[in-house]
Amino acid sequence: MKHILHDWPDKECKQILSNIAPVLSSTDRVILIDSVIGSSDLEPIEAIKLQMDLGMLISCPSGAQERTEAEFRALLDHAGLDLVSVTNTKSFVSVVEARPRK
């Protein structure tokens, strides 16, 4: 899923992921392409998260937000998924890989 979860507040993200998790086999993976705040050493996490959350509030007043790795982990955990890895790219997005909990 590319740039999906950042458009929604936590409650809706949990529901989206909870709808996906039950249909996954043990070898399936969920791939999220999204910004992961703090996944690079470019800026302090708090400063960039605040700046991006303000931008999301202006463009998507539904409660959209950018998230840190810990916040992605919590959303995935709620849905019964384990975060496998976060891979940085040369762009502003990262690749988040998750799998069904064993």
PDB file of N, CA and C in Angstrom:
ATOM      1  N   MET A   1       0.856  -1.164   0.000  1.00  0.00           N
ATOM      2  CA  MET A   1       0.000   0.000   0.000  1.00  0.00           C
ATOM      3  C   MET A   1       0.906   1.233   0.000  1.00  0.00           C
ATOM      4  N   LYS A   2       0.660   2.105  -0.919  1.00  0.00           N
ATOM      5  CA  LYS A   2       1.506   3.296  -1.039  1.00  0.00           C
ATOM      6  C   LYS A   2       0.719   4.532  -0.615  1.00  0.00           C
ATOM      7  N   HIS A   3       1.265   5.241   0.355  1.00  0.00           N
ATOM      8  CA  HIS A   3       0.679   6.494   0.853  1.00  0.00           C
ATOM      9  C   HIS A   3      -0.797   6.338   1.221  1.00  0.00           C
ATOM     10  N   ILE A   4      -1.132   5.257   1.894  1.00  0.00           N
ATOM     11  CA  ILE A   4      -2.505   5.033   2.326  1.00  0.00           C
ATOM     12  C   ILE A   4      -2.664   5.398   3.801  1.00  0.00           C
ATOM     13  N   LEU A   5      -1.855   4.805   4.656  1.00  0.00           N
ATOM     14  CA  LEU A   5      -2.048   4.976   6.097  1.00  0.00           C
ATOM     15  C   LEU A   5      -1.817   6.402   6.574  1.00  0.00           C
ATOM     16  N   HIS A   6      -0.967   7.138   5.905  1.00  0.00           N
ATOM     17  CA  HIS A   6      -0.704   8.502   6.387  1.00  0.00           C
ATOM     18  C   HIS A   6      -1.903   9.433   6.178  1.00  0.00           C
ATOM     19  N   ASP A   7      -2.872   8.992   5.384  1.00  0.00           N
ATOM     20  CA  ASP A   7      -4.081   9.796   5.159  1.00  0.00           C
ATOM     21  C   ASP A   7      -5.141   9.604   6.235  1.00  0.00           C
ATOM     22  N   TRP A   8      -4.899   8.698   7.181  1.00  0.00           N
ATOM     23  CA  TRP A   8      -5.939   8.319   8.138  1.00  0.00           C
ATOM     24  C   TRP A   8      -5.437   8.389   9.576  1.00  0.00           C
ATOM     25  N   PRO A   9      -6.337   8.692  10.509  1.00  0.00           N
ATOM     26  CA  PRO A   9      -5.968   8.633  11.923  1.00  0.00           C
ATOM     27  C   PRO A   9      -5.801   7.175  12.368  1.00  0.00           C
ATOM     28  N   ASP A  10      -5.272   6.981  13.551  1.00  0.00           N
ATOM     29  CA  ASP A  10      -4.956   5.643  14.035  1.00  0.00           C
ATOM     30  C   ASP A  10      -6.146   4.684  14.003  1.00  0.00           C
ATOM     31  N   LYS A  11      -7.306   5.127  14.410  1.00  0.00           N
ATOM     32  CA  LYS A  11      -8.478   4.245  14.473  1.00  0.00           C
ATOM     33  C   LYS A  11      -8.763   3.618  13.106  1.00  0.00           C
ATOM     34  N   GLU A  12      -8.765   4.422  12.070  1.00  0.00           N
ATOM     35  CA  GLU A  12      -9.031   3.916  10.722  1.00  0.00           C
ATOM     36  C   GLU A  12      -7.885   3.048  10.207  1.00  0.00           C
ATOM     37  N   CYS A  13      -6.651   3.421  10.528  1.00  0.00           N
ATOM     38  CA  CYS A  13      -5.501   2.605  10.119  1.00  0.00           C
ATOM     39  C   CYS A  13      -5.567   1.225  10.753  1.00  0.00           C
ATOM     40  N   LYS A  14      -5.940   1.184  12.018  1.00  0.00           N
ATOM     41  CA  LYS A  14      -6.081  -0.109  12.698  1.00  0.00           C
ATOM     42  C   LYS A  14      -7.141  -0.956  12.004  1.00  0.00           C
ATOM     43  N   GLN A  15      -8.230  -0.322  11.584  1.00  0.00           N
ATOM     44  CA  GLN A  15      -9.293  -1.063  10.902  1.00  0.00           C
ATOM     45  C   GLN A  15      -8.834  -1.566   9.536  1.00  0.00           C
ATOM     46  N   ILE A  16      -8.138  -0.737   8.794  1.00  0.00           N
ATOM     47  CA  ILE A  16      -7.626  -1.140   7.484  1.00  0.00           C
ATOM     48  C   ILE A  16      -6.719  -2.355   7.637  1.00  0.00           C
ATOM     49  N   LEU A  17      -5.770  -2.271   8.547  1.00  0.00           N
ATOM     50  CA  LEU A  17      -4.825  -3.370   8.743  1.00  0.00           C
ATOM     51  C   LEU A  17      -5.509  -4.610   9.316  1.00  0.00           C
ATOM     52  N   SER A  18      -6.493  -4.403  10.179  1.00  0.00           N
ATOM     53  CA  SER A  18      -7.230  -5.528  10.763  1.00  0.00           C
ATOM     54  C   SER A  18      -8.079  -6.244   9.721  1.00  0.00           C
ATOM     55  N   ASN A  19      -8.473  -5.552   8.668  1.00  0.00           N
ATOM     56  CA  ASN A  19      -9.219  -6.187   7.583  1.00  0.00           C
ATOM     57  C   ASN A  19      -8.306  -7.030   6.695  1.00  0.00           C
ATOM     58  N   ILE A  20      -7.055  -6.644   6.611  1.00  0.00           N
ATOM     59  CA  ILE A  20      -6.096  -7.346   5.765  1.00  0.00           C
ATOM     60  C   ILE A  20      -5.539  -8.585   6.456  1.00  0.00           C
ATOM     61  N   ALA A  21      -5.186  -8.456   7.711  1.00  0.00           N
ATOM     62  CA  ALA A  21      -4.456  -9.509   8.430  1.00  0.00           C
ATOM     63  C   ALA A  21      -5.108 -10.894   8.372  1.00  0.00           C
ATOM     64  N   PRO A  22      -6.421 -11.024   8.545  1.00  0.00           N
ATOM     65  CA  PRO A  22      -7.012 -12.368   8.591  1.00  0.00           C
ATOM     66  C   PRO A  22      -6.933 -13.155   7.288  1.00  0.00           C
ATOM     67  N   VAL A  23      -6.748 -12.488   6.170  1.00  0.00           N
ATOM     68  CA  VAL A  23      -6.726 -13.199   4.889  1.00  0.00           C
ATOM     69  C   VAL A  23      -5.305 -13.539   4.425  1.00  0.00           C
ATOM     70  N   LEU A  24      -4.317 -13.217   5.226  1.00  0.00           N
ATOM     71  CA  LEU A  24      -2.932 -13.480   4.852  1.00  0.00           C
ATOM     72  C   LEU A  24      -2.521 -14.895   5.254  1.00  0.00           C
ATOM     73  N   SER A  25      -1.762 -15.540   4.389  1.00  0.00           N
ATOM     74  CA  SER A  25      -1.166 -16.819   4.765  1.00  0.00           C
ATOM     75  C   SER A  25       0.118 -16.532   5.542  1.00  0.00           C
ATOM     76  N   SER A  26       0.696 -17.549   6.108  1.00  0.00           N
ATOM     77  CA  SER A  26       1.898 -17.355   6.926  1.00  0.00           C
ATOM     78  C   SER A  26       3.099 -16.866   6.115  1.00  0.00           C
ATOM     79  N   THR A  27       3.056 -17.049   4.799  1.00  0.00           N
ATOM     80  CA  THR A  27       4.176 -16.596   3.961  1.00  0.00           C
ATOM     81  C   THR A  27       3.922 -15.246   3.297  1.00  0.00           C
ATOM     82  N   ASP A  28       2.714 -14.710   3.440  1.00  0.00           N
ATOM     83  CA  ASP A  28       2.387 -13.415   2.835  1.00  0.00           C
ATOM     84  C   ASP A  28       3.067 -12.276   3.586  1.00  0.00           C
ATOM     85  N   ARG A  29       3.186 -11.163   2.911  1.00  0.00           N
ATOM     86  CA  ARG A  29       3.748  -9.950   3.501  1.00  0.00           C
ATOM     87  C   ARG A  29       2.868  -8.756   3.147  1.00  0.00           C
ATOM     88  N   VAL A  30       2.845  -7.792   4.033  1.00  0.00           N
ATOM     89  CA  VAL A  30       2.205  -6.500   3.771  1.00  0.00           C
ATOM     90  C   VAL A  30       3.350  -5.522   3.562  1.00  0.00           C
ATOM     91  N   ILE A  31       3.308  -4.802   2.452  1.00  0.00           N
ATOM     92  CA  ILE A  31       4.338  -3.816   2.142  1.00  0.00           C
ATOM     93  C   ILE A  31       3.688  -2.439   2.154  1.00  0.00           C
ATOM     94  N   LEU A  32       4.218  -1.569   2.985  1.00  0.00           N
ATOM     95  CA  LEU A  32       3.748  -0.187   3.073  1.00  0.00           C
ATOM     96  C   LEU A  32       4.846   0.716   2.524  1.00  0.00           C
ATOM     97  N   ILE A  33       4.487   1.577   1.595  1.00  0.00           N
ATOM     98  CA  ILE A  33       5.407   2.571   1.061  1.00  0.00           C
ATOM     99  C   ILE A  33       4.926   3.908   1.614  1.00  0.00           C
ATOM    100  N   ASP A  34       5.687   4.450   2.522  1.00  0.00           N
ATOM    101  CA  ASP A  34       5.239   5.663   3.202  1.00  0.00           C
ATOM    102  C   ASP A  34       6.427   6.352   3.856  1.00  0.00           C
ATOM    103  N   SER A  35       6.214   7.565   4.283  1.00  0.00           N
ATOM    104  CA  SER A  35       7.237   8.262   5.056  1.00  0.00           C
ATOM    105  C   SER A  35       7.288   7.637   6.439  1.00  0.00           C
ATOM    106  N   VAL A  36       8.492   7.386   6.913  1.00  0.00           N
ATOM    107  CA  VAL A  36       8.687   6.907   8.272  1.00  0.00           C
ATOM    108  C   VAL A  36       9.586   7.923   8.952  1.00  0.00           C
ATOM    109  N   ILE A  37       8.996   8.695   9.818  1.00  0.00           N
ATOM    110  CA  ILE A  37       9.730   9.776  10.465  1.00  0.00           C
ATOM    111  C   ILE A  37      10.817   9.198  11.362  1.00  0.00           C
ATOM    112  N   GLY A  38      12.016   9.726  11.216  1.00  0.00           N
ATOM    113  CA  GLY A  38      13.132   9.289  12.037  1.00  0.00           C
ATOM    114  C   GLY A  38      13.867   8.098  11.475  1.00  0.00           C
ATOM    115  N   SER A  39      13.530   7.673  10.261  1.00  0.00           N
ATOM    116  CA  SER A  39      14.212   6.522   9.679  1.00  0.00           C
ATOM    117  C   SER A  39      15.547   6.903   9.059  1.00  0.00           C
ATOM    118  N   SER A  40      15.822   8.190   9.014  1.00  0.00           N
ATOM    119  CA  SER A  40      17.148   8.633   8.570  1.00  0.00           C
ATOM    120  C   SER A  40      17.690   9.607   9.614  1.00  0.00           C
ATOM    121  N   ASP A  41      18.923   9.941   9.514  1.00  0.00           N
ATOM    122  CA  ASP A  41      19.548  10.837  10.488  1.00  0.00           C
ATOM    123  C   ASP A  41      19.541  12.288  10.035  1.00  0.00           C
ATOM    124  N   LEU A  42      18.644  12.636   9.112  1.00  0.00           N
ATOM    125  CA  LEU A  42      18.677  13.980   8.539  1.00  0.00           C
ATOM    126  C   LEU A  42      18.203  15.056   9.507  1.00  0.00           C
ATOM    127  N   GLU A  43      17.161  14.784  10.277  1.00  0.00           N
ATOM    128  CA  GLU A  43      16.625  15.780  11.204  1.00  0.00           C
ATOM    129  C   GLU A  43      16.167  15.104  12.481  1.00  0.00           C
ATOM    130  N   PRO A  44      16.103  15.847  13.580  1.00  0.00           N
ATOM    131  CA  PRO A  44      15.556  15.272  14.808  1.00  0.00           C
ATOM    132  C   PRO A  44      14.108  14.809  14.588  1.00  0.00           C
ATOM    133  N   ILE A  45      13.768  13.677  15.132  1.00  0.00           N
ATOM    134  CA  ILE A  45      12.445  13.090  14.921  1.00  0.00           C
ATOM    135  C   ILE A  45      11.327  14.053  15.302  1.00  0.00           C
ATOM    136  N   GLU A  46      11.421  14.661  16.453  1.00  0.00           N
ATOM    137  CA  GLU A  46      10.330  15.509  16.946  1.00  0.00           C
ATOM    138  C   GLU A  46      10.078  16.695  16.021  1.00  0.00           C
ATOM    139  N   ALA A  47      11.129  17.312  15.535  1.00  0.00           N
ATOM    140  CA  ALA A  47      10.984  18.494  14.682  1.00  0.00           C
ATOM    141  C   ALA A  47      10.335  18.149  13.349  1.00  0.00           C
ATOM    142  N   ILE A  48      10.810  17.101  12.714  1.00  0.00           N
ATOM    143  CA  ILE A  48      10.254  16.773  11.401  1.00  0.00           C
ATOM    144  C   ILE A  48       8.836  16.221  11.534  1.00  0.00           C
ATOM    145  N   LYS A  49       8.555  15.457  12.589  1.00  0.00           N
ATOM    146  CA  LYS A  49       7.207  14.921  12.774  1.00  0.00           C
ATOM    147  C   LYS A  49       6.214  16.064  12.969  1.00  0.00           C
ATOM    148  N   LEU A  50       6.558  17.021  13.791  1.00  0.00           N
ATOM    149  CA  LEU A  50       5.673  18.164  14.013  1.00  0.00           C
ATOM    150  C   LEU A  50       5.430  18.919  12.713  1.00  0.00           C
ATOM    151  N   GLN A  51       6.473  19.176  11.963  1.00  0.00           N
ATOM    152  CA  GLN A  51       6.354  19.896  10.697  1.00  0.00           C
ATOM    153  C   GLN A  51       5.458  19.125   9.718  1.00  0.00           C
ATOM    154  N   MET A  52       5.660  17.830   9.597  1.00  0.00           N
ATOM    155  CA  MET A  52       4.876  17.051   8.651  1.00  0.00           C
ATOM    156  C   MET A  52       3.431  16.871   9.127  1.00  0.00           C
ATOM    157  N   ASP A  53       3.227  16.705  10.434  1.00  0.00           N
ATOM    158  CA  ASP A  53       1.862  16.595  10.952  1.00  0.00           C
ATOM    159  C   ASP A  53       1.072  17.874  10.686  1.00  0.00           C
ATOM    160  N   LEU A  54       1.719  19.026  10.812  1.00  0.00           N
ATOM    161  CA  LEU A  54       1.041  20.287  10.512  1.00  0.00           C
ATOM    162  C   LEU A  54       0.660  20.348   9.036  1.00  0.00           C
ATOM    163  N   GLY A  55       1.547  19.906   8.173  1.00  0.00           N
ATOM    164  CA  GLY A  55       1.239  19.860   6.747  1.00  0.00           C
ATOM    165  C   GLY A  55       0.079  18.927   6.448  1.00  0.00           C
ATOM    166  N   MET A  56       0.049  17.777   7.103  1.00  0.00           N
ATOM    167  CA  MET A  56      -1.049  16.825   6.913  1.00  0.00           C
ATOM    168  C   MET A  56      -2.357  17.403   7.439  1.00  0.00           C
ATOM    169  N   LEU A  57      -2.306  18.115   8.540  1.00  0.00           N
ATOM    170  CA  LEU A  57      -3.511  18.718   9.107  1.00  0.00           C
ATOM    171  C   LEU A  57      -4.124  19.725   8.137  1.00  0.00           C
ATOM    172  N   ILE A  58      -3.283  20.476   7.460  1.00  0.00           N
ATOM    173  CA  ILE A  58      -3.767  21.461   6.496  1.00  0.00           C
ATOM    174  C   ILE A  58      -4.352  20.780   5.259  1.00  0.00           C
ATOM    175  N   SER A  59      -3.676  19.752   4.756  1.00  0.00           N
ATOM    176  CA  SER A  59      -4.125  19.132   3.511  1.00  0.00           C
ATOM    177  C   SER A  59      -5.162  18.027   3.716  1.00  0.00           C
ATOM    178  N   CYS A  60      -5.184  17.402   4.870  1.00  0.00           N
ATOM    179  CA  CYS A  60      -6.114  16.292   5.157  1.00  0.00           C
ATOM    180  C   CYS A  60      -6.643  16.448   6.578  1.00  0.00           C
ATOM    181  N   PRO A  61      -7.656  17.256   6.778  1.00  0.00           N
ATOM    182  CA  PRO A  61      -8.112  17.540   8.138  1.00  0.00           C
ATOM    183  C   PRO A  61      -8.765  16.357   8.857  1.00  0.00           C
ATOM    184  N   SER A  62      -8.773  15.168   8.254  1.00  0.00           N
ATOM    185  CA  SER A  62      -9.412  14.002   8.863  1.00  0.00           C
ATOM    186  C   SER A  62      -8.624  13.418  10.025  1.00  0.00           C
ATOM    187  N   GLY A  63      -7.464  13.943  10.318  1.00  0.00           N
ATOM    188  CA  GLY A  63      -6.642  13.383  11.377  1.00  0.00           C
ATOM    189  C   GLY A  63      -5.443  12.640  10.823  1.00  0.00           C
ATOM    190  N   ALA A  64      -5.144  12.876   9.567  1.00  0.00           N
ATOM    191  CA  ALA A  64      -4.004  12.231   8.922  1.00  0.00           C
ATOM    192  C   ALA A  64      -2.716  12.659   9.614  1.00  0.00           C
ATOM    193  N   GLN A  65      -1.721  11.786   9.549  1.00  0.00           N
ATOM    194  CA  GLN A  65      -0.444  12.120  10.176  1.00  0.00           C
ATOM    195  C   GLN A  65       0.678  11.272   9.618  1.00  0.00           C
ATOM    196  N   GLU A  66       1.880  11.777   9.746  1.00  0.00           N
ATOM    197  CA  GLU A  66       3.063  10.993   9.442  1.00  0.00           C
ATOM    198  C   GLU A  66       3.423  10.244  10.720  1.00  0.00           C
ATOM    199  N   ARG A  67       4.082   9.111  10.583  1.00  0.00           N
ATOM    200  CA  ARG A  67       4.335   8.272  11.746  1.00  0.00           C
ATOM    201  C   ARG A  67       5.803   7.861  11.843  1.00  0.00           C
ATOM    202  N   THR A  68       6.207   7.593  13.071  1.00  0.00           N
ATOM    203  CA  THR A  68       7.532   7.049  13.333  1.00  0.00           C
ATOM    204  C   THR A  68       7.476   5.529  13.189  1.00  0.00           C
ATOM    205  N   GLU A  69       8.629   4.889  13.222  1.00  0.00           N
ATOM    206  CA  GLU A  69       8.666   3.429  13.168  1.00  0.00           C
ATOM    207  C   GLU A  69       7.878   2.821  14.334  1.00  0.00           C
ATOM    208  N   ALA A  70       8.018   3.400  15.508  1.00  0.00           N
ATOM    209  CA  ALA A  70       7.300   2.889  16.681  1.00  0.00           C
ATOM    210  C   ALA A  70       5.784   2.994  16.493  1.00  0.00           C
ATOM    211  N   GLU A  71       5.329   4.070  15.862  1.00  0.00           N
ATOM    212  CA  GLU A  71       3.895   4.235  15.622  1.00  0.00           C
ATOM    213  C   GLU A  71       3.389   3.230  14.579  1.00  0.00           C
ATOM    214  N   PHE A  72       4.188   2.973  13.540  1.00  0.00           N
ATOM    215  CA  PHE A  72       3.817   1.935  12.573  1.00  0.00           C
ATOM    216  C   PHE A  72       3.769   0.575  13.268  1.00  0.00           C
ATOM    217  N   ARG A  73       4.748   0.302  14.106  1.00  0.00           N
ATOM    218  CA  ARG A  73       4.810  -0.973  14.824  1.00  0.00           C
ATOM    219  C   ARG A  73       3.549  -1.164  15.674  1.00  0.00           C
ATOM    220  N   ALA A  74       3.113  -0.117  16.347  1.00  0.00           N
ATOM    221  CA  ALA A  74       1.913  -0.204  17.190  1.00  0.00           C
ATOM    222  C   ALA A  74       0.665  -0.478  16.357  1.00  0.00           C
ATOM    223  N   LEU A  75       0.533   0.188  15.209  1.00  0.00           N
ATOM    224  CA  LEU A  75      -0.622  -0.060  14.328  1.00  0.00           C
ATOM    225  C   LEU A  75      -0.624  -1.497  13.825  1.00  0.00           C
ATOM    226  N   LEU A  76       0.528  -1.960  13.392  1.00  0.00           N
ATOM    227  CA  LEU A  76       0.648  -3.321  12.880  1.00  0.00           C
ATOM    228  C   LEU A  76       0.370  -4.334  13.985  1.00  0.00           C
ATOM    229  N   ASP A  77       0.914  -4.085  15.160  1.00  0.00           N
ATOM    230  CA  ASP A  77       0.720  -4.982  16.294  1.00  0.00           C
ATOM    231  C   ASP A  77      -0.762  -5.128  16.629  1.00  0.00           C
ATOM    232  N   HIS A  78      -1.477  -4.027  16.611  1.00  0.00           N
ATOM    233  CA  HIS A  78      -2.919  -4.053  16.900  1.00  0.00           C
ATOM    234  C   HIS A  78      -3.663  -4.979  15.943  1.00  0.00           C
ATOM    235  N   ALA A  79      -3.203  -5.056  14.698  1.00  0.00           N
ATOM    236  CA  ALA A  79      -3.860  -5.872  13.673  1.00  0.00           C
ATOM    237  C   ALA A  79      -3.342  -7.314  13.653  1.00  0.00           C
ATOM    238  N   GLY A  80      -2.413  -7.651  14.541  1.00  0.00           N
ATOM    239  CA  GLY A  80      -1.874  -9.001  14.544  1.00  0.00           C
ATOM    240  C   GLY A  80      -0.763  -9.206  13.538  1.00  0.00           C
ATOM    241  N   LEU A  81      -0.077  -8.125  13.202  1.00  0.00           N
ATOM    242  CA  LEU A  81       1.033  -8.180  12.253  1.00  0.00           C
ATOM    243  C   LEU A  81       2.328  -7.794  12.958  1.00  0.00           C
ATOM    244  N   ASP A  82       3.419  -8.395  12.542  1.00  0.00           N
ATOM    245  CA  ASP A  82       4.731  -8.055  13.075  1.00  0.00           C
ATOM    246  C   ASP A  82       5.509  -7.239  12.064  1.00  0.00           C
ATOM    247  N   LEU A  83       6.126  -6.158  12.522  1.00  0.00           N
ATOM    248  CA  LEU A  83       6.984  -5.363  11.656  1.00  0.00           C
ATOM    249  C   LEU A  83       8.273  -6.145  11.431  1.00  0.00           C
ATOM    250  N   VAL A  84       8.596  -6.402  10.182  1.00  0.00           N
ATOM    251  CA  VAL A  84       9.796  -7.161   9.824  1.00  0.00           C
ATOM    252  C   VAL A  84      10.962  -6.217   9.601  1.00  0.00           C
ATOM    253  N   SER A  85      10.736  -5.159   8.816  1.00  0.00           N
ATOM    254  CA  SER A  85      11.833  -4.245   8.504  1.00  0.00           C
ATOM    255  C   SER A  85      11.302  -2.908   8.013  1.00  0.00           C
ATOM    256  N   VAL A  86      12.160  -1.908   8.138  1.00  0.00           N
ATOM    257  CA  VAL A  86      11.937  -0.595   7.536  1.00  0.00           C
ATOM    258  C   VAL A  86      13.184  -0.308   6.709  1.00  0.00           C
ATOM    259  N   THR A  87      12.987  -0.167   5.401  1.00  0.00           N
ATOM    260  CA  THR A  87      14.105   0.071   4.493  1.00  0.00           C
ATOM    261  C   THR A  87      14.010   1.475   3.932  1.00  0.00           C
ATOM    262  N   ASN A  88      15.047   2.255   4.172  1.00  0.00           N
ATOM    263  CA  ASN A  88      15.091   3.605   3.623  1.00  0.00           C
ATOM    264  C   ASN A  88      15.351   3.541   2.125  1.00  0.00           C
ATOM    265  N   THR A  89      14.871   4.535   1.412  1.00  0.00           N
ATOM    266  CA  THR A  89      15.146   4.668  -0.012  1.00  0.00           C
ATOM    267  C   THR A  89      15.874   5.989  -0.223  1.00  0.00           C
ATOM    268  N   LYS A  90      16.196   6.288  -1.454  1.00  0.00           N
ATOM    269  CA  LYS A  90      16.846   7.565  -1.754  1.00  0.00           C
ATOM    270  C   LYS A  90      15.834   8.695  -1.833  1.00  0.00           C
ATOM    271  N   SER A  91      14.563   8.369  -1.687  1.00  0.00           N
ATOM    272  CA  SER A  91      13.518   9.390  -1.689  1.00  0.00           C
ATOM    273  C   SER A  91      13.048   9.608  -0.257  1.00  0.00           C
ATOM    274  N   PHE A  92      11.949  10.308  -0.097  1.00  0.00           N
ATOM    275  CA  PHE A  92      11.437  10.632   1.222  1.00  0.00           C
ATOM    276  C   PHE A  92      10.602   9.500   1.812  1.00  0.00           C
ATOM    277  N   VAL A  93      10.421   8.417   1.091  1.00  0.00           N
ATOM    278  CA  VAL A  93       9.618   7.311   1.603  1.00  0.00           C
ATOM    279  C   VAL A  93      10.504   6.125   1.990  1.00  0.00           C
ATOM    280  N   SER A  94       9.949   5.285   2.825  1.00  0.00           N
ATOM    281  CA  SER A  94      10.598   4.043   3.224  1.00  0.00           C
ATOM    282  C   SER A  94       9.686   2.881   2.865  1.00  0.00           C
ATOM    283  N   VAL A  95      10.246   1.699   2.864  1.00  0.00           N
ATOM    284  CA  VAL A  95       9.485   0.486   2.612  1.00  0.00           C
ATOM    285  C   VAL A  95       9.350  -0.241   3.951  1.00  0.00           C
ATOM    286  N   VAL A  96       8.115  -0.383   4.406  1.00  0.00           N
ATOM    287  CA  VAL A  96       7.828  -1.057   5.667  1.00  0.00           C
ATOM    288  C   VAL A  96       7.290  -2.443   5.324  1.00  0.00           C
ATOM    289  N   GLU A  97       7.938  -3.465   5.849  1.00  0.00           N
ATOM    290  CA  GLU A  97       7.495  -4.840   5.596  1.00  0.00           C
ATOM    291  C   GLU A  97       6.939  -5.425   6.886  1.00  0.00           C
ATOM    292  N   ALA A  98       5.766  -6.049   6.771  1.00  0.00           N
ATOM    293  CA  ALA A  98       5.145  -6.700   7.923  1.00  0.00           C
ATOM    294  C   ALA A  98       4.671  -8.084   7.511  1.00  0.00           C
ATOM    295  N   ARG A  99       4.514  -8.964   8.497  1.00  0.00           N
ATOM    296  CA  ARG A  99       4.015 -10.311   8.224  1.00  0.00           C
ATOM    297  C   ARG A  99       3.011 -10.695   9.310  1.00  0.00           C
ATOM    298  N   PRO A 100       2.189 -11.691   8.999  1.00  0.00           N
ATOM    299  CA  PRO A 100       1.246 -12.160  10.023  1.00  0.00           C
ATOM    300  C   PRO A 100       1.999 -12.689  11.243  1.00  0.00           C
ATOM    301  N   ARG A 101       1.451 -12.444  12.415  1.00  0.00           N
ATOM    302  CA  ARG A 101       2.068 -12.935  13.629  1.00  0.00           C
ATOM    303  C   ARG A 101       1.995 -14.459  13.653  1.00  0.00           C
ATOM    304  N   LYS A 102       3.058 -15.089  14.063  1.00  0.00           N
ATOM    305  CA  LYS A 102       3.111 -16.564  14.106  1.00  0.00           C
ATOM    306  C   LYS A 102       2.374 -17.092  15.308  1.00  0.00           C
TER     307      LYS A 102
END
